[in-house]
């Protein structure tokens, strides 16, 4: 979150895990497998100006 919004986080309870498997039409010989782990988080201290310029929602 430091790079995205410039804040540190307090990481809390584990919510769950999600997986996605797919094959890209552009690279049909390669399969992709992403795993995401999700936690409840709260903002802590602002420690920098965000590096990203797109608005966060």
N, C-alpha and C. Protein backbone atom coordinates (compact mmCIF):
# COMPACT_ATOMS: atom_id res chain seq x y z
N UNK A 1 0.82 -1.20 0.00
CA UNK A 1 0.00 0.00 0.00
C UNK A 1 0.86 1.25 0.00
N UNK A 2 2.08 1.10 0.42
CA UNK A 2 2.99 2.24 0.43
C UNK A 2 3.07 2.88 -0.96
N UNK A 3 3.33 2.07 -1.98
CA UNK A 3 3.46 2.59 -3.34
C UNK A 3 2.12 3.10 -3.88
N UNK A 4 1.05 2.41 -3.57
CA UNK A 4 -0.25 2.76 -4.13
C UNK A 4 -0.88 4.00 -3.49
N UNK A 5 -0.87 4.07 -2.17
CA UNK A 5 -1.58 5.18 -1.50
C UNK A 5 -0.74 5.95 -0.49
N UNK A 6 0.47 5.51 -0.20
CA UNK A 6 1.35 6.24 0.70
C UNK A 6 1.10 6.00 2.17
N UNK A 7 0.30 5.00 2.52
CA UNK A 7 0.00 4.68 3.92
C UNK A 7 0.57 3.32 4.28
N UNK A 8 0.91 3.15 5.53
CA UNK A 8 1.16 1.81 6.05
C UNK A 8 -0.19 1.24 6.47
N UNK A 9 -0.24 -0.06 6.67
CA UNK A 9 -1.50 -0.73 7.02
C UNK A 9 -1.36 -1.53 8.30
N UNK A 10 -2.49 -1.69 8.97
CA UNK A 10 -2.61 -2.68 10.04
C UNK A 10 -3.33 -3.86 9.43
N UNK A 11 -2.67 -5.00 9.34
CA UNK A 11 -3.26 -6.18 8.73
C UNK A 11 -3.96 -6.98 9.82
N UNK A 12 -5.23 -7.28 9.56
CA UNK A 12 -6.04 -7.98 10.55
C UNK A 12 -6.38 -9.40 10.12
N UNK A 13 -7.62 -9.76 10.33
CA UNK A 13 -8.11 -11.12 10.13
C UNK A 13 -8.02 -11.58 8.68
N UNK A 14 -7.64 -12.83 8.49
CA UNK A 14 -7.62 -13.46 7.17
C UNK A 14 -9.05 -13.69 6.71
N UNK A 15 -9.37 -13.25 5.50
CA UNK A 15 -10.72 -13.41 4.95
C UNK A 15 -10.83 -14.67 4.12
N UNK A 16 -9.86 -14.88 3.22
CA UNK A 16 -9.94 -16.06 2.37
C UNK A 16 -8.92 -16.03 1.26
N UNK A 17 -9.04 -17.02 0.39
CA UNK A 17 -8.10 -17.21 -0.71
C UNK A 17 -8.91 -17.41 -1.99
N UNK A 18 -8.43 -16.86 -3.09
CA UNK A 18 -9.08 -17.06 -4.39
C UNK A 18 -8.02 -17.44 -5.41
N UNK A 19 -8.38 -18.37 -6.29
CA UNK A 19 -7.47 -18.81 -7.34
C UNK A 19 -8.13 -18.64 -8.70
N UNK A 20 -7.32 -18.34 -9.70
CA UNK A 20 -7.81 -18.21 -11.06
C UNK A 20 -6.83 -18.92 -11.99
N UNK A 21 -7.36 -19.81 -12.82
CA UNK A 21 -6.57 -20.52 -13.82
C UNK A 21 -7.08 -20.10 -15.19
N UNK A 22 -6.17 -19.82 -16.12
CA UNK A 22 -6.59 -19.50 -17.47
C UNK A 22 -5.44 -19.65 -18.44
N UNK A 23 -5.80 -19.69 -19.74
CA UNK A 23 -4.82 -19.70 -20.82
C UNK A 23 -5.07 -18.47 -21.66
N UNK A 24 -4.05 -17.69 -21.88
CA UNK A 24 -4.15 -16.48 -22.68
C UNK A 24 -4.19 -16.84 -24.16
N UNK A 25 -5.10 -16.24 -24.92
CA UNK A 25 -5.10 -16.48 -26.37
C UNK A 25 -3.76 -16.09 -27.03
N UNK A 26 -3.10 -15.10 -26.46
CA UNK A 26 -1.84 -14.63 -27.00
C UNK A 26 -0.70 -15.62 -26.75
N UNK A 27 -0.76 -16.34 -25.63
CA UNK A 27 0.28 -17.30 -25.26
C UNK A 27 -0.37 -18.64 -24.94
N UNK A 28 -0.94 -19.27 -25.96
CA UNK A 28 -1.76 -20.46 -25.74
C UNK A 28 -0.97 -21.66 -25.21
N UNK A 29 0.34 -21.66 -25.33
CA UNK A 29 1.14 -22.77 -24.80
C UNK A 29 1.41 -22.62 -23.30
N UNK A 30 1.08 -21.46 -22.75
CA UNK A 30 1.35 -21.20 -21.33
C UNK A 30 0.05 -21.04 -20.56
N UNK A 31 -0.06 -21.71 -19.45
CA UNK A 31 -1.21 -21.49 -18.59
C UNK A 31 -0.83 -20.53 -17.48
N UNK A 32 -1.80 -19.82 -16.96
CA UNK A 32 -1.60 -18.86 -15.88
C UNK A 32 -2.32 -19.35 -14.64
N UNK A 33 -1.75 -19.07 -13.49
CA UNK A 33 -2.37 -19.45 -12.22
C UNK A 33 -2.06 -18.36 -11.21
N UNK A 34 -3.07 -17.59 -10.87
CA UNK A 34 -2.91 -16.54 -9.85
C UNK A 34 -3.56 -16.99 -8.56
N UNK A 35 -2.94 -16.66 -7.45
CA UNK A 35 -3.49 -16.94 -6.13
C UNK A 35 -3.52 -15.63 -5.36
N UNK A 36 -4.68 -15.29 -4.81
CA UNK A 36 -4.81 -14.08 -4.02
C UNK A 36 -5.21 -14.42 -2.59
N UNK A 37 -4.57 -13.78 -1.63
CA UNK A 37 -4.90 -13.94 -0.21
C UNK A 37 -5.47 -12.61 0.27
N UNK A 38 -6.59 -12.65 0.97
CA UNK A 38 -7.31 -11.44 1.35
C UNK A 38 -7.42 -11.32 2.87
N UNK A 39 -7.18 -10.08 3.34
CA UNK A 39 -7.19 -9.78 4.77
C UNK A 39 -7.99 -8.50 5.02
N UNK A 40 -8.58 -8.40 6.20
CA UNK A 40 -9.17 -7.14 6.64
C UNK A 40 -8.00 -6.23 7.02
N UNK A 41 -8.00 -5.01 6.50
CA UNK A 41 -6.91 -4.06 6.79
C UNK A 41 -7.49 -2.70 7.15
N UNK A 42 -6.77 -1.97 7.97
CA UNK A 42 -7.12 -0.58 8.26
C UNK A 42 -5.90 0.28 7.99
N UNK A 43 -6.15 1.52 7.60
CA UNK A 43 -5.06 2.45 7.35
C UNK A 43 -4.36 2.80 8.66
N UNK A 44 -3.05 2.92 8.60
CA UNK A 44 -2.27 3.36 9.75
C UNK A 44 -1.76 4.76 9.44
N UNK A 45 -0.47 4.95 9.41
CA UNK A 45 0.12 6.28 9.22
C UNK A 45 0.41 6.57 7.76
N UNK A 46 0.24 7.84 7.37
CA UNK A 46 0.71 8.26 6.05
C UNK A 46 2.22 8.40 6.15
N UNK A 47 2.93 7.72 5.27
CA UNK A 47 4.38 7.73 5.36
C UNK A 47 5.05 8.27 4.10
N UNK A 48 4.26 8.56 3.07
CA UNK A 48 4.84 9.09 1.83
C UNK A 48 3.73 9.61 0.94
N UNK A 49 4.13 10.33 -0.09
CA UNK A 49 3.19 10.73 -1.14
C UNK A 49 3.07 9.53 -2.08
N UNK A 50 1.84 9.15 -2.48
CA UNK A 50 1.69 8.00 -3.37
C UNK A 50 2.48 8.15 -4.66
N UNK A 51 3.03 7.05 -5.17
CA UNK A 51 3.74 7.06 -6.43
C UNK A 51 2.78 6.92 -7.61
N UNK A 52 1.64 6.26 -7.38
CA UNK A 52 0.66 6.06 -8.43
C UNK A 52 -0.16 7.34 -8.63
N UNK A 53 -0.54 7.62 -9.87
CA UNK A 53 -1.29 8.83 -10.17
C UNK A 53 -2.77 8.60 -10.42
N UNK A 54 -3.18 7.34 -10.68
CA UNK A 54 -4.59 7.05 -10.91
C UNK A 54 -5.37 7.14 -9.60
N UNK A 55 -6.62 7.63 -9.64
CA UNK A 55 -7.42 7.71 -8.41
C UNK A 55 -7.76 6.32 -7.86
N UNK A 56 -7.74 6.21 -6.54
CA UNK A 56 -8.14 4.96 -5.87
C UNK A 56 -9.62 5.01 -5.56
N UNK A 57 -10.27 3.88 -5.68
CA UNK A 57 -11.72 3.79 -5.38
C UNK A 57 -11.96 2.66 -4.43
